[in-house]
Protein backbone atom coordinates (compact mmCIF):
# COMPACT_ATOMS: atom_id res chain seq x y z
CA MET A 1 -19.01 9.95 5.85
CA ALA A 2 -21.81 10.36 8.35
CA PHE A 3 -21.13 6.84 9.62
CA PHE A 4 -17.50 7.72 10.41
CA ARG A 5 -18.63 10.65 12.54
CA THR A 6 -20.39 8.20 14.84
CA LEU A 7 -17.21 6.20 15.53
CA PRO A 8 -14.87 6.84 18.45
CA PRO A 9 -11.62 8.62 17.47
CA GLU A 10 -9.49 5.57 18.26
CA VAL A 11 -11.54 3.44 15.84
CA ILE A 12 -11.21 6.04 13.09
CA GLN A 13 -7.45 6.14 13.67
CA ALA A 14 -7.22 2.36 13.40
CA LEU A 15 -9.21 2.35 10.16
CA MET A 16 -7.65 5.38 8.51
CA GLY A 17 -4.19 5.50 10.03
CA VAL A 18 -0.96 3.94 8.90
CA ASP A 19 1.32 2.03 11.22
CA ALA A 20 4.90 1.92 9.96
CA ARG A 21 5.28 -1.61 11.35
CA TYR A 22 2.45 -2.87 9.15
CA LEU A 23 3.96 -1.24 6.08
CA ALA A 24 7.41 -2.65 6.87
CA SER A 25 5.92 -6.14 7.28
CA ALA A 26 4.03 -5.85 4.00
CA PHE A 27 7.14 -4.71 2.11
CA GLU A 28 9.20 -7.47 3.68
CA ALA A 29 6.63 -10.07 2.64
CA ILE A 30 6.67 -8.74 -0.93
CA GLU A 31 10.46 -8.77 -1.10
CA THR A 32 10.87 -12.28 0.32
CA ARG A 33 8.44 -13.77 -2.19
CA GLU A 34 9.99 -15.09 -5.39
CA GLY A 35 10.09 -12.27 -7.92
CA GLY A 36 9.89 -9.59 -5.23
CA TRP A 37 8.49 -6.18 -5.98
CA GLU A 38 8.44 -6.64 -9.76
CA ARG A 39 6.29 -9.77 -9.51
CA TYR A 40 3.98 -8.05 -7.05
CA THR A 41 3.43 -5.04 -9.28
CA ARG A 42 3.10 -7.04 -12.48
CA GLU A 43 1.11 -10.11 -11.37
CA ASP A 44 -0.75 -9.04 -8.25
CA LEU A 45 -1.47 -5.42 -9.16
CA GLY A 46 -1.53 -5.94 -12.92
CA LEU A 47 0.70 -2.93 -13.64
CA SER A 48 2.70 -2.61 -16.83
CA ALA A 49 6.24 -1.24 -16.78
CA ALA A 50 4.80 2.07 -18.04
CA ASP A 51 2.20 2.07 -15.23
CA GLU A 52 4.88 1.50 -12.63
CA ALA A 53 7.11 4.24 -14.08
CA ARG A 54 4.21 6.71 -14.05
CA LEU A 55 3.30 5.77 -10.47
CA LYS A 56 6.90 6.28 -9.35
CA SER A 57 6.97 9.64 -11.10
CA ILE A 58 3.80 10.76 -9.35
CA MET A 59 4.83 9.48 -5.93
CA LEU A 60 8.46 10.59 -5.95
CA ASP A 61 8.24 14.01 -7.63
């Protein structure tokens, strides 16, 4: 954490912030790939159906 205190605020924002355009592009790339979101969560992230259901429950409740 001490290292982050030495960085200019604009650098911290770039590293720690979220740009909606980047998220939209990432989601679009996932959806256009064969298998879409389900393939991404199962193959790339290694989540089971139960893992995904629990994640959704945590994030959406």
